[in-house]
Full PDB file with SEQRES, HELIX, SHEET, SSBOND, CRYST1, ORIGX, SCALE, CONECT and MASTER records, all heavy atoms in Angstrom:
SEQRES   1 A   37  MET THR SER LYS PRO ALA SER PHE TYR GLU THR GLN VAL          
SEQRES   2 A   37  THR ALA HIS LEU ARG PRO LEU ARG GLY GLN ALA VAL ILE          
SEQRES   3 A   37  LEU ASP SER ASP LEU ALA TRP PHE LEU GLY ILE                  
HELIX    1 AA1 PHE A    8  ALA A   15  1                                   8    
HELIX    2 AA2 ASP A   28  LEU A   35  1                                   8    
SHEET    1 AA1 2 ARG A  18  LEU A  20  0                                        
SHEET    2 AA1 2 GLN A  23  VAL A  25 -1                                        
CRYST1    1.000    1.000    1.000  90.00  90.00  90.00 P 1           1          
ORIGX1      1.000000  0.000000  0.000000        0.00000                         
ORIGX2      0.000000  1.000000  0.000000        0.00000                         
ORIGX3      0.000000  0.000000  1.000000        0.00000                         
SCALE1      1.000000  0.000000  0.000000        0.00000                         
SCALE2      0.000000  1.000000  0.000000        0.00000                         
SCALE3      0.000000  0.000000  1.000000        0.00000                         
ATOM      1  N   MET A   1     130.858 118.746 115.307  1.00  0.00           N  
ATOM      2  CA  MET A   1     130.079 117.552 115.077  1.00  0.00           C  
ATOM      3  C   MET A   1     129.418 117.668 113.702  1.00  0.00           C  
ATOM      4  O   MET A   1     128.743 118.620 113.407  1.00  0.00           O  
ATOM      5  CB  MET A   1     129.017 117.458 116.175  1.00  0.00           C  
ATOM      6  CG  MET A   1     128.123 116.293 116.037  1.00  0.00           C  
ATOM      7  SD  MET A   1     126.902 116.294 117.396  1.00  0.00           S  
ATOM      8  CE  MET A   1     127.477 114.856 118.248  1.00  0.00           C  
ATOM      9  N   THR A   2     129.651 116.661 112.860  1.00  0.00           N  
ATOM     10  CA  THR A   2     129.077 116.689 111.533  1.00  0.00           C  
ATOM     11  C   THR A   2     127.754 115.970 111.505  1.00  0.00           C  
ATOM     12  O   THR A   2     127.526 115.030 112.265  1.00  0.00           O  
ATOM     13  CB  THR A   2     130.029 116.010 110.517  1.00  0.00           C  
ATOM     14  OG1 THR A   2     130.209 114.648 110.893  1.00  0.00           O  
ATOM     15  CG2 THR A   2     131.363 116.723 110.446  1.00  0.00           C  
ATOM     16  N   SER A   3     126.887 116.417 110.634  1.00  0.00           N  
ATOM     17  CA  SER A   3     125.580 115.768 110.577  1.00  0.00           C  
ATOM     18  C   SER A   3     125.625 114.654 109.531  1.00  0.00           C  
ATOM     19  O   SER A   3     126.238 114.786 108.488  1.00  0.00           O  
ATOM     20  CB  SER A   3     124.497 116.780 110.235  1.00  0.00           C  
ATOM     21  OG  SER A   3     124.737 117.323 108.962  1.00  0.00           O  
ATOM     22  N   LYS A   4     124.928 113.575 109.861  1.00  0.00           N  
ATOM     23  CA  LYS A   4     124.862 112.444 108.956  1.00  0.00           C  
ATOM     24  C   LYS A   4     123.699 112.655 107.987  1.00  0.00           C  
ATOM     25  O   LYS A   4     122.715 113.305 108.326  1.00  0.00           O  
ATOM     26  CB  LYS A   4     124.623 111.157 109.754  1.00  0.00           C  
ATOM     27  CG  LYS A   4     125.758 110.782 110.658  1.00  0.00           C  
ATOM     28  CD  LYS A   4     125.428 109.674 111.641  1.00  0.00           C  
ATOM     29  CE  LYS A   4     124.636 108.557 111.068  1.00  0.00           C  
ATOM     30  NZ  LYS A   4     124.395 107.449 111.995  1.00  0.00           N  
ATOM     31  N   PRO A   5     123.817 112.093 106.769  1.00  0.00           N  
ATOM     32  CA  PRO A   5     122.664 112.196 105.874  1.00  0.00           C  
ATOM     33  C   PRO A   5     121.478 111.436 106.470  1.00  0.00           C  
ATOM     34  O   PRO A   5     121.651 110.496 107.238  1.00  0.00           O  
ATOM     35  CB  PRO A   5     123.162 111.518 104.584  1.00  0.00           C  
ATOM     36  CG  PRO A   5     124.443 110.864 104.895  1.00  0.00           C  
ATOM     37  CD  PRO A   5     124.933 111.384 106.199  1.00  0.00           C  
ATOM     38  N   ALA A   6     120.312 111.878 106.119  1.00  0.00           N  
ATOM     39  CA  ALA A   6     119.102 111.259 106.645  1.00  0.00           C  
ATOM     40  C   ALA A   6     119.012 109.803 106.202  1.00  0.00           C  
ATOM     41  O   ALA A   6     119.296 109.485 105.045  1.00  0.00           O  
ATOM     42  CB  ALA A   6     117.866 112.012 106.159  1.00  0.00           C  
ATOM     43  N   SER A   7     118.618 108.942 107.111  1.00  0.00           N  
ATOM     44  CA  SER A   7     118.416 107.528 106.769  1.00  0.00           C  
ATOM     45  C   SER A   7     117.147 107.402 105.961  1.00  0.00           C  
ATOM     46  O   SER A   7     116.300 108.312 105.913  1.00  0.00           O  
ATOM     47  CB  SER A   7     118.324 106.705 108.055  1.00  0.00           C  
ATOM     48  OG  SER A   7     117.102 107.000 108.733  1.00  0.00           O  
ATOM     49  N   PHE A   8     116.967 106.239 105.348  1.00  0.00           N  
ATOM     50  CA  PHE A   8     115.744 105.985 104.601  1.00  0.00           C  
ATOM     51  C   PHE A   8     114.528 106.131 105.515  1.00  0.00           C  
ATOM     52  O   PHE A   8     113.534 106.733 105.144  1.00  0.00           O  
ATOM     53  CB  PHE A   8     115.793 104.573 104.003  1.00  0.00           C  
ATOM     54  CG  PHE A   8     114.509 104.174 103.338  1.00  0.00           C  
ATOM     55  CD1 PHE A   8     114.162 104.673 102.096  1.00  0.00           C  
ATOM     56  CD2 PHE A   8     113.628 103.304 103.976  1.00  0.00           C  
ATOM     57  CE1 PHE A   8     112.968 104.317 101.496  1.00  0.00           C  
ATOM     58  CE2 PHE A   8     112.424 102.949 103.385  1.00  0.00           C  
ATOM     59  CZ  PHE A   8     112.093 103.456 102.128  1.00  0.00           C  
ATOM     60  N   TYR A   9     114.650 105.602 106.730  1.00  0.00           N  
ATOM     61  CA  TYR A   9     113.563 105.653 107.691  1.00  0.00           C  
ATOM     62  C   TYR A   9     113.213 107.110 108.029  1.00  0.00           C  
ATOM     63  O   TYR A   9     112.060 107.499 108.039  1.00  0.00           O  
ATOM     64  CB  TYR A   9     113.981 104.873 108.944  1.00  0.00           C  
ATOM     65  CG  TYR A   9     112.883 104.588 109.929  1.00  0.00           C  
ATOM     66  CD1 TYR A   9     111.853 103.702 109.631  1.00  0.00           C  
ATOM     67  CD2 TYR A   9     112.883 105.150 111.195  1.00  0.00           C  
ATOM     68  CE1 TYR A   9     110.857 103.418 110.538  1.00  0.00           C  
ATOM     69  CE2 TYR A   9     111.888 104.867 112.118  1.00  0.00           C  
ATOM     70  CZ  TYR A   9     110.888 104.006 111.779  1.00  0.00           C  
ATOM     71  OH  TYR A   9     109.906 103.720 112.683  1.00  0.00           O  
ATOM     72  N   GLU A  10     114.242 107.907 108.266  1.00  0.00           N  
ATOM     73  CA  GLU A  10     114.025 109.331 108.560  1.00  0.00           C  
ATOM     74  C   GLU A  10     113.338 110.022 107.385  1.00  0.00           C  
ATOM     75  O   GLU A  10     112.435 110.844 107.583  1.00  0.00           O  
ATOM     76  CB  GLU A  10     115.376 110.024 108.768  1.00  0.00           C  
ATOM     77  CG  GLU A  10     115.695 110.378 110.160  1.00  0.00           C  
ATOM     78  CD  GLU A  10     117.077 110.975 110.240  1.00  0.00           C  
ATOM     79  OE1 GLU A  10     117.211 112.186 109.993  1.00  0.00           O  
ATOM     80  OE2 GLU A  10     118.010 110.224 110.540  1.00  0.00           O  
ATOM     81  N   THR A  11     113.776 109.702 106.179  1.00  0.00           N  
ATOM     82  CA  THR A  11     113.185 110.314 104.982  1.00  0.00           C  
ATOM     83  C   THR A  11     111.716 109.958 104.884  1.00  0.00           C  
ATOM     84  O   THR A  11     110.883 110.796 104.533  1.00  0.00           O  
ATOM     85  CB  THR A  11     113.951 109.832 103.731  1.00  0.00           C  
ATOM     86  OG1 THR A  11     115.328 110.167 103.880  1.00  0.00           O  
ATOM     87  CG2 THR A  11     113.410 110.476 102.478  1.00  0.00           C  
ATOM     88  N   GLN A  12     111.365 108.720 105.204  1.00  0.00           N  
ATOM     89  CA  GLN A  12     109.973 108.285 105.168  1.00  0.00           C  
ATOM     90  C   GLN A  12     109.145 109.036 106.219  1.00  0.00           C  
ATOM     91  O   GLN A  12     108.012 109.443 105.944  1.00  0.00           O  
ATOM     92  CB  GLN A  12     109.867 106.769 105.381  1.00  0.00           C  
ATOM     93  CG  GLN A  12     110.436 105.981 104.236  1.00  0.00           C  
ATOM     94  CD  GLN A  12     109.707 106.292 102.934  1.00  0.00           C  
ATOM     95  OE1 GLN A  12     108.496 106.173 102.844  1.00  0.00           O  
ATOM     96  NE2 GLN A  12     110.441 106.692 101.929  1.00  0.00           N  
ATOM     97  N   VAL A  13     109.686 109.187 107.401  1.00  0.00           N  
ATOM     98  CA  VAL A  13     108.976 109.926 108.441  1.00  0.00           C  
ATOM     99  C   VAL A  13     108.767 111.369 108.003  1.00  0.00           C  
ATOM    100  O   VAL A  13     107.652 111.912 108.096  1.00  0.00           O  
ATOM    101  CB  VAL A  13     109.723 109.881 109.801  1.00  0.00           C  
ATOM    102  CG1 VAL A  13     109.042 110.774 110.830  1.00  0.00           C  
ATOM    103  CG2 VAL A  13     109.832 108.454 110.316  1.00  0.00           C  
ATOM    104  N   THR A  14     109.813 111.981 107.464  1.00  0.00           N  
ATOM    105  CA  THR A  14     109.725 113.380 107.012  1.00  0.00           C  
ATOM    106  C   THR A  14     108.618 113.542 105.978  1.00  0.00           C  
ATOM    107  O   THR A  14     107.877 114.524 105.983  1.00  0.00           O  
ATOM    108  CB  THR A  14     111.061 113.864 106.447  1.00  0.00           C  
ATOM    109  OG1 THR A  14     112.052 113.748 107.464  1.00  0.00           O  
ATOM    110  CG2 THR A  14     110.988 115.289 105.984  1.00  0.00           C  
ATOM    111  N   ALA A  15     108.460 112.539 105.114  1.00  0.00           N  
ATOM    112  CA  ALA A  15     107.414 112.606 104.083  1.00  0.00           C  
ATOM    113  C   ALA A  15     106.011 112.590 104.693  1.00  0.00           C  
ATOM    114  O   ALA A  15     105.044 112.995 104.038  1.00  0.00           O  
ATOM    115  CB  ALA A  15     107.571 111.438 103.103  1.00  0.00           C  
ATOM    116  N   HIS A  16     105.882 112.146 105.944  1.00  0.00           N  
ATOM    117  CA  HIS A  16     104.589 112.086 106.603  1.00  0.00           C  
ATOM    118  C   HIS A  16     104.353 113.250 107.568  1.00  0.00           C  
ATOM    119  O   HIS A  16     103.299 113.316 108.191  1.00  0.00           O  
ATOM    120  CB  HIS A  16     104.420 110.753 107.331  1.00  0.00           C  
ATOM    121  CG  HIS A  16     104.184 109.614 106.392  1.00  0.00           C  
ATOM    122  ND1 HIS A  16     105.209 108.999 105.731  1.00  0.00           N  
ATOM    123  CD2 HIS A  16     103.042 109.040 105.958  1.00  0.00           C  
ATOM    124  CE1 HIS A  16     104.696 108.057 104.954  1.00  0.00           C  
ATOM    125  NE2 HIS A  16     103.392 108.069 105.067  1.00  0.00           N  
ATOM    126  N   LEU A  17     105.319 114.121 107.691  1.00  0.00           N  
ATOM    127  CA  LEU A  17     105.102 115.337 108.504  1.00  0.00           C  
ATOM    128  C   LEU A  17     104.339 116.323 107.647  1.00  0.00           C  
ATOM    129  O   LEU A  17     104.577 116.465 106.466  1.00  0.00           O  
ATOM    130  CB  LEU A  17     106.436 115.930 108.950  1.00  0.00           C  
ATOM    131  CG  LEU A  17     107.267 115.068 109.888  1.00  0.00           C  
ATOM    132  CD1 LEU A  17     108.595 115.763 110.204  1.00  0.00           C  
ATOM    133  CD2 LEU A  17     106.516 114.746 111.164  1.00  0.00           C  
ATOM    134  N   ARG A  18     103.420 117.031 108.276  1.00  0.00           N  
ATOM    135  CA  ARG A  18     102.569 117.978 107.560  1.00  0.00           C  
ATOM    136  C   ARG A  18     102.534 119.303 108.276  1.00  0.00           C  
ATOM    137  O   ARG A  18     102.472 119.334 109.511  1.00  0.00           O  
ATOM    138  CB  ARG A  18     101.155 117.414 107.459  1.00  0.00           C  
ATOM    139  CG  ARG A  18     101.096 116.059 106.771  1.00  0.00           C  
ATOM    140  CD  ARG A  18      99.792 115.420 106.865  1.00  0.00           C  
ATOM    141  NE  ARG A  18      99.612 114.067 106.416  1.00  0.00           N  
ATOM    142  CZ  ARG A  18     100.274 113.366 105.534  1.00  0.00           C  
ATOM    143  NH1 ARG A  18     101.288 113.877 104.938  1.00  0.00           N  
ATOM    144  NH2 ARG A  18      99.953 112.138 105.235  1.00  0.00           N  
ATOM    145  N   PRO A  19     102.559 120.402 107.519  1.00  0.00           N  
ATOM    146  CA  PRO A  19     102.419 121.710 108.183  1.00  0.00           C  
ATOM    147  C   PRO A  19     100.963 121.916 108.560  1.00  0.00           C  
ATOM    148  O   PRO A  19     100.060 121.779 107.733  1.00  0.00           O  
ATOM    149  CB  PRO A  19     102.871 122.702 107.103  1.00  0.00           C  
ATOM    150  CG  PRO A  19     102.647 121.988 105.811  1.00  0.00           C  
ATOM    151  CD  PRO A  19     102.778 120.525 106.082  1.00  0.00           C  
ATOM    152  N   LEU A  20     100.729 122.188 109.834  1.00  0.00           N  
ATOM    153  CA  LEU A  20      99.359 122.375 110.300  1.00  0.00           C  
ATOM    154  C   LEU A  20      99.408 123.305 111.489  1.00  0.00           C  
ATOM    155  O   LEU A  20     100.212 123.109 112.401  1.00  0.00           O  
ATOM    156  CB  LEU A  20      98.750 121.018 110.688  1.00  0.00           C  
ATOM    157  CG  LEU A  20      97.273 120.969 110.983  1.00  0.00           C  
ATOM    158  CD1 LEU A  20      96.454 121.367 109.755  1.00  0.00           C  
ATOM    159  CD2 LEU A  20      96.873 119.572 111.407  1.00  0.00           C  
ATOM    160  N   ARG A  21      98.567 124.317 111.478  1.00  0.00           N  
ATOM    161  CA  ARG A  21      98.516 125.306 112.542  1.00  0.00           C  
ATOM    162  C   ARG A  21      99.900 125.915 112.809  1.00  0.00           C  
ATOM    163  O   ARG A  21     100.290 126.197 113.942  1.00  0.00           O  
ATOM    164  CB  ARG A  21      97.963 124.707 113.842  1.00  0.00           C  
ATOM    165  CG  ARG A  21      96.529 124.206 113.704  1.00  0.00           C  
ATOM    166  CD  ARG A  21      95.967 123.781 115.037  1.00  0.00           C  
ATOM    167  NE  ARG A  21      94.688 123.097 114.848  1.00  0.00           N  
ATOM    168  CZ  ARG A  21      93.948 122.625 115.829  1.00  0.00           C  
ATOM    169  NH1 ARG A  21      94.354 122.764 117.082  1.00  0.00           N  
ATOM    170  NH2 ARG A  21      92.828 122.011 115.585  1.00  0.00           N  
ATOM    171  N   GLY A  22     100.653 126.087 111.719  1.00  0.00           N  
ATOM    172  CA  GLY A  22     101.949 126.774 111.812  1.00  0.00           C  
ATOM    173  C   GLY A  22     103.094 125.940 112.345  1.00  0.00           C  
ATOM    174  O   GLY A  22     104.145 126.464 112.689  1.00  0.00           O  
ATOM    175  N   GLN A  23     102.913 124.622 112.426  1.00  0.00           N  
ATOM    176  CA  GLN A  23     103.993 123.762 112.914  1.00  0.00           C  
ATOM    177  C   GLN A  23     103.943 122.419 112.201  1.00  0.00           C  
ATOM    178  O   GLN A  23     102.971 122.079 111.533  1.00  0.00           O  
ATOM    179  CB  GLN A  23     103.869 123.572 114.416  1.00  0.00           C  
ATOM    180  CG  GLN A  23     102.547 123.028 114.872  1.00  0.00           C  
ATOM    181  CD  GLN A  23     102.329 123.204 116.356  1.00  0.00           C  
ATOM    182  OE1 GLN A  23     103.274 123.131 117.124  1.00  0.00           O  
ATOM    183  NE2 GLN A  23     101.110 123.410 116.769  1.00  0.00           N  
ATOM    184  N   ALA A  24     105.026 121.666 112.318  1.00  0.00           N  
ATOM    185  CA  ALA A  24     105.072 120.331 111.739  1.00  0.00           C  
ATOM    186  C   ALA A  24     104.369 119.364 112.689  1.00  0.00           C  
ATOM    187  O   ALA A  24     104.596 119.411 113.898  1.00  0.00           O  
ATOM    188  CB  ALA A  24     106.518 119.886 111.531  1.00  0.00           C  
ATOM    189  N   VAL A  25     103.513 118.531 112.129  1.00  0.00           N  
ATOM    190  CA  VAL A  25     102.819 117.508 112.919  1.00  0.00           C  
ATOM    191  C   VAL A  25     102.881 116.179 112.181  1.00  0.00           C  
ATOM    192  O   VAL A  25     103.062 116.136 110.967  1.00  0.00           O  
ATOM    193  CB  VAL A  25     101.353 117.870 113.212  1.00  0.00           C  
ATOM    194  CG1 VAL A  25     101.239 119.174 114.011  1.00  0.00           C  
ATOM    195  CG2 VAL A  25     100.518 117.938 111.961  1.00  0.00           C  
ATOM    196  N   ILE A  26     102.700 115.114 112.953  1.00  0.00           N  
ATOM    197  CA  ILE A  26     102.537 113.791 112.380  1.00  0.00           C  
ATOM    198  C   ILE A  26     101.231 113.238 112.917  1.00  0.00           C  
ATOM    199  O   ILE A  26     100.915 113.416 114.101  1.00  0.00           O  
ATOM    200  CB  ILE A  26     103.739 112.870 112.695  1.00  0.00           C  
ATOM    201  CG1 ILE A  26     103.642 111.568 111.912  1.00  0.00           C  
ATOM    202  CG2 ILE A  26     103.884 112.638 114.198  1.00  0.00           C  
ATOM    203  CD1 ILE A  26     104.947 110.765 111.879  1.00  0.00           C  
ATOM    204  N   LEU A  27     100.475 112.616 112.035  1.00  0.00           N  
ATOM    205  CA  LEU A  27      99.181 112.094 112.438  1.00  0.00           C  
ATOM    206  C   LEU A  27      99.338 110.785 113.214  1.00  0.00           C  
ATOM    207  O   LEU A  27     100.298 110.058 113.058  1.00  0.00           O  
ATOM    208  CB  LEU A  27      98.284 111.883 111.212  1.00  0.00           C  
ATOM    209  CG  LEU A  27      98.010 113.142 110.390  1.00  0.00           C  
ATOM    210  CD1 LEU A  27      97.100 112.827 109.224  1.00  0.00           C  
ATOM    211  CD2 LEU A  27      97.427 114.244 111.251  1.00  0.00           C  
ATOM    212  N   ASP A  28      98.338 110.528 114.063  1.00  0.00           N  
ATOM    213  CA  ASP A  28      98.377 109.372 114.976  1.00  0.00           C  
ATOM    214  C   ASP A  28      98.692 108.063 114.287  1.00  0.00           C  
ATOM    215  O   ASP A  28      99.572 107.325 114.727  1.00  0.00           O  
ATOM    216  CB  ASP A  28      97.068 109.289 115.743  1.00  0.00           C  
ATOM    217  CG  ASP A  28      95.826 109.441 114.874  1.00  0.00           C  
ATOM    218  OD1 ASP A  28      95.929 109.334 113.638  1.00  0.00           O  
ATOM    219  OD2 ASP A  28      94.749 109.683 115.447  1.00  0.00           O  
ATOM    220  N   SER A  29      98.002 107.738 113.208  1.00  0.00           N  
ATOM    221  CA  SER A  29      98.201 106.438 112.566  1.00  0.00           C  
ATOM    222  C   SER A  29      99.588 106.331 111.940  1.00  0.00           C  
ATOM    223  O   SER A  29     100.197 105.266 111.949  1.00  0.00           O  
ATOM    224  CB  SER A  29      97.124 106.156 111.543  1.00  0.00           C  
ATOM    225  OG  SER A  29      97.096 107.164 110.554  1.00  0.00           O  
ATOM    226  N   ASP A  30     100.101 107.447 111.397  1.00  0.00           N  
ATOM    227  CA  ASP A  30     101.457 107.440 110.842  1.00  0.00           C  
ATOM    228  C   ASP A  30     102.476 107.227 111.946  1.00  0.00           C  
ATOM    229  O   ASP A  30     103.415 106.433 111.808  1.00  0.00           O  
ATOM    230  CB  ASP A  30     101.755 108.750 110.106  1.00  0.00           C  
ATOM    231  CG  ASP A  30     100.900 108.950 108.860  1.00  0.00           C  
ATOM    232  OD1 ASP A  30     100.473 107.929 108.263  1.00  0.00           O  
ATOM    233  OD2 ASP A  30     100.644 110.094 108.510  1.00  0.00           O  
ATOM    234  N   LEU A  31     102.315 107.952 113.046  1.00  0.00           N  
ATOM    235  CA  LEU A  31     103.237 107.823 114.165  1.00  0.00           C  
ATOM    236  C   LEU A  31     103.198 106.403 114.723  1.00  0.00           C  
ATOM    237  O   LEU A  31     104.251 105.812 114.994  1.00  0.00           O  
ATOM    238  CB  LEU A  31     102.879 108.844 115.247  1.00  0.00           C  
ATOM    239  CG  LEU A  31     103.808 108.931 116.448  1.00  0.00           C  
ATOM    240  CD1 LEU A  31     105.241 109.215 116.039  1.00  0.00           C  
ATOM    241  CD2 LEU A  31     103.303 110.011 117.412  1.00  0.00           C  
ATOM    242  N   ALA A  32     102.018 105.833 114.846  1.00  0.00           N  
ATOM    243  CA  ALA A  32     101.906 104.459 115.356  1.00  0.00           C  
ATOM    244  C   ALA A  32     102.626 103.490 114.423  1.00  0.00           C  
ATOM    245  O   ALA A  32     103.363 102.611 114.894  1.00  0.00           O  
ATOM    246  CB  ALA A  32     100.432 104.079 115.490  1.00  0.00           C  
ATOM    247  N   TRP A  33     102.447 103.653 113.152  1.00  0.00           N  
ATOM    248  CA  TRP A  33     103.091 102.747 112.195  1.00  0.00           C  
ATOM    249  C   TRP A  33     104.619 102.846 112.296  1.00  0.00           C  
ATOM    250  O   TRP A  33     105.302 101.827 112.351  1.00  0.00           O  
ATOM    251  CB  TRP A  33     102.640 103.059 110.768  1.00  0.00           C  
ATOM    252  CG  TRP A  33     103.113 102.054 109.786  1.00  0.00           C  
ATOM    253  CD1 TRP A  33     102.546 100.846 109.515  1.00  0.00           C  
ATOM    254  CD2 TRP A  33     104.269 102.140 108.969  1.00  0.00           C  
ATOM    255  NE1 TRP A  33     103.282 100.181 108.578  1.00  0.00           N  
ATOM    256  CE2 TRP A  33     104.360 100.944 108.224  1.00  0.00           C  
ATOM    257  CE3 TRP A  33     105.249 103.121 108.799  1.00  0.00           C  
ATOM    258  CZ2 TRP A  33     105.375 100.699 107.308  1.00  0.00           C  
ATOM    259  CZ3 TRP A  33     106.285 102.863 107.901  1.00  0.00           C  
ATOM    260  CH2 TRP A  33     106.326 101.667 107.163  1.00  0.00           C  
ATOM    261  N   PHE A  34     105.147 104.062 112.337  1.00  0.00           N  
ATOM    262  CA  PHE A  34     106.587 104.226 112.409  1.00  0.00           C  
ATOM    263  C   PHE A  34     107.170 103.691 113.714  1.00  0.00           C  
ATOM    264  O   PHE A  34     108.290 103.227 113.750  1.00  0.00           O  
ATOM    265  CB  PHE A  34     106.985 105.693 112.219  1.00  0.00           C  
ATOM    266  CG  PHE A  34     106.857 106.156 110.798  1.00  0.00           C  
ATOM    267  CD1 PHE A  34     105.964 107.162 110.460  1.00  0.00           C  
ATOM    268  CD2 PHE A  34     107.602 105.590 109.793  1.00  0.00           C  
ATOM    269  CE1 PHE A  34     105.817 107.569 109.164  1.00  0.00           C  
ATOM    270  CE2 PHE A  34     107.465 105.986 108.473  1.00  0.00           C  
ATOM    271  CZ  PHE A  34     106.576 106.990 108.163  1.00  0.00           C  
ATOM    272  N   LEU A  35     106.399 103.766 114.765  1.00  0.00           N  
ATOM    273  CA  LEU A  35     106.885 103.325 116.076  1.00  0.00           C  
ATOM    274  C   LEU A  35     106.580 101.857 116.344  1.00  0.00           C  
ATOM    275  O   LEU A  35     106.987 101.296 117.356  1.00  0.00           O  
ATOM    276  CB  LEU A  35     106.289 104.193 117.178  1.00  0.00           C  
ATOM    277  CG  LEU A  35     106.717 105.658 117.112  1.00  0.00           C  
ATOM    278  CD1 LEU A  35     105.966 106.477 118.149  1.00  0.00           C  
ATOM    279  CD2 LEU A  35     108.216 105.808 117.279  1.00  0.00           C  
ATOM    280  N   GLY A  36     105.852 101.235 115.437  1.00  0.00           N  
ATOM    281  CA  GLY A  36     105.564  99.820 115.583  1.00  0.00           C  
ATOM    282  C   GLY A  36     104.567  99.485 116.672  1.00  0.00           C  
ATOM    283  O   GLY A  36     104.659  98.418 117.302  1.00  0.00           O  
ATOM    284  N   ILE A  37     103.624 100.386 116.894  1.00  0.00           N  
ATOM    285  CA  ILE A  37     102.575 100.135 117.884  1.00  0.00           C  
ATOM    286  C   ILE A  37     101.214 100.365 117.217  1.00  0.00           C  
ATOM    287  O   ILE A  37     101.146 100.897 116.112  1.00  0.00           O  
ATOM    288  CB  ILE A  37     102.737 101.038 119.138  1.00  0.00           C  
ATOM    289  CG1 ILE A  37     102.650 102.519 118.781  1.00  0.00           C  
ATOM    290  CG2 ILE A  37     104.039 100.712 119.860  1.00  0.00           C  
ATOM    291  CD1 ILE A  37     102.717 103.449 119.973  1.00  0.00           C  
TER     292      ILE A  37                                                      
MASTER        0    0    0    2    2    0    0    6  291    1    0    3          
END                                                                             
């Protein structure tokens, strides 16, 4: 199975992930915006 290049949307989400407490996290408001809620 080959991997597809990241979509623009995926790239935008990745830009909002932050290393915190040794793991990747996304903040509540960013997650809400990306999920449309």
